[in-house]
Amino acid sequence: MRSWMACPDMATGAVEPTEDNLKSWAASGVTAVGMGSKLFPKDKLAAGDWAGIAALCADCLKWFRR
C-alpha cells in the first residue's frame, strides 16, 4: 500500500494564469494546478474571443511545463 505522502500534489488555490505564478508552482514540486474563472477572463468570454482563451491556455501549459 502506498503512503499518501507519495501522492502527487495539485495546487488549486492562488493559481494565476501568469508565467511567474505558474513557474513558481512548478518549481515548488506540484505536479498539476487547477484554475477556473481566471483561465476564462470575463472580457474574453463576453467578446467570444475563443482564440484568445485558447492562446492563454496554451501559454499556461507552456509556462508550467518549463
Protein backbone atom coordinates (compact mmCIF):
# COMPACT_ATOMS: atom_id res chain seq x y z
CA MET A 1 0.00 0.00 0.00
CA ARG A 2 1.31 3.44 -0.94
CA SER A 3 1.58 6.17 1.61
CA TRP A 4 -0.45 9.34 1.00
CA MET A 5 2.91 11.15 1.15
CA ALA A 6 3.82 9.50 -2.17
CA CYS A 7 0.80 11.01 -3.92
CA PRO A 8 1.44 13.85 -6.35
CA ASP A 9 0.31 17.32 -5.24
CA MET A 10 -2.08 19.57 -7.15
CA ALA A 11 -2.46 23.25 -6.30
CA THR A 12 -5.90 24.80 -6.75
CA GLY A 13 -5.71 27.98 -4.67
CA ALA A 14 -3.75 31.13 -5.51
CA VAL A 15 -3.05 29.87 -9.04
CA GLU A 16 -2.88 32.69 -11.59
CA PRO A 17 -2.58 32.40 -15.38
CA THR A 18 0.77 34.21 -15.44
CA GLU A 19 4.25 32.99 -16.29
CA ASP A 20 5.76 33.90 -12.90
CA ASN A 21 2.96 32.26 -10.92
CA LEU A 22 2.95 29.02 -12.89
CA LYS A 23 6.73 28.71 -12.92
CA SER A 24 6.70 29.19 -9.13
CA TRP A 25 4.14 26.43 -8.67
CA ALA A 26 6.08 24.08 -10.95
CA ALA A 27 9.31 24.82 -9.06
CA SER A 28 7.57 24.08 -5.75
CA GLY A 29 7.12 20.46 -6.81
CA VAL A 30 3.40 20.27 -7.53
CA THR A 31 2.58 18.07 -10.49
CA ALA A 32 -0.58 19.90 -11.54
CA VAL A 33 -2.53 23.09 -10.96
CA GLY A 34 -6.22 23.84 -11.23
CA MET A 35 -7.77 27.08 -12.43
CA GLY A 36 -11.33 28.08 -13.04
CA SER A 37 -12.61 31.51 -13.96
CA LYS A 38 -9.13 33.06 -14.06
CA LEU A 39 -8.38 30.93 -17.09
CA PHE A 40 -11.52 32.24 -18.81
CA PRO A 41 -11.47 36.05 -18.41
CA LYS A 42 -14.94 37.66 -18.49
CA ASP A 43 -13.94 40.14 -21.17
CA LYS A 44 -12.74 37.37 -23.50
CA LEU A 45 -15.89 35.32 -22.84
CA ALA A 46 -18.16 38.30 -23.47
CA ALA A 47 -16.37 39.07 -26.73
CA GLY A 48 -16.42 35.43 -27.83
CA ASP A 49 -12.63 35.56 -28.07
CA TRP A 50 -12.12 31.81 -28.16
CA ALA A 51 -8.76 32.16 -29.88
CA GLY A 52 -7.59 34.42 -27.04
CA ILE A 53 -8.77 31.91 -24.44
CA ALA A 54 -7.08 29.06 -26.32
CA ALA A 55 -3.85 31.09 -26.50
CA LEU A 56 -3.96 31.76 -22.75
CA CYS A 57 -4.48 28.04 -22.09
CA ALA A 58 -1.57 27.15 -24.37
CA ASP A 59 0.66 29.72 -22.68
CA CYS A 60 -0.26 28.36 -19.23
CA LEU A 61 0.67 24.82 -20.26
CA LYS A 62 3.95 26.03 -21.73
CA TRP A 63 4.86 28.04 -18.61
CA PHE A 64 4.03 25.21 -16.22
CA ARG A 65 5.98 22.60 -18.19
CA ARG A 66 9.21 24.62 -18.27
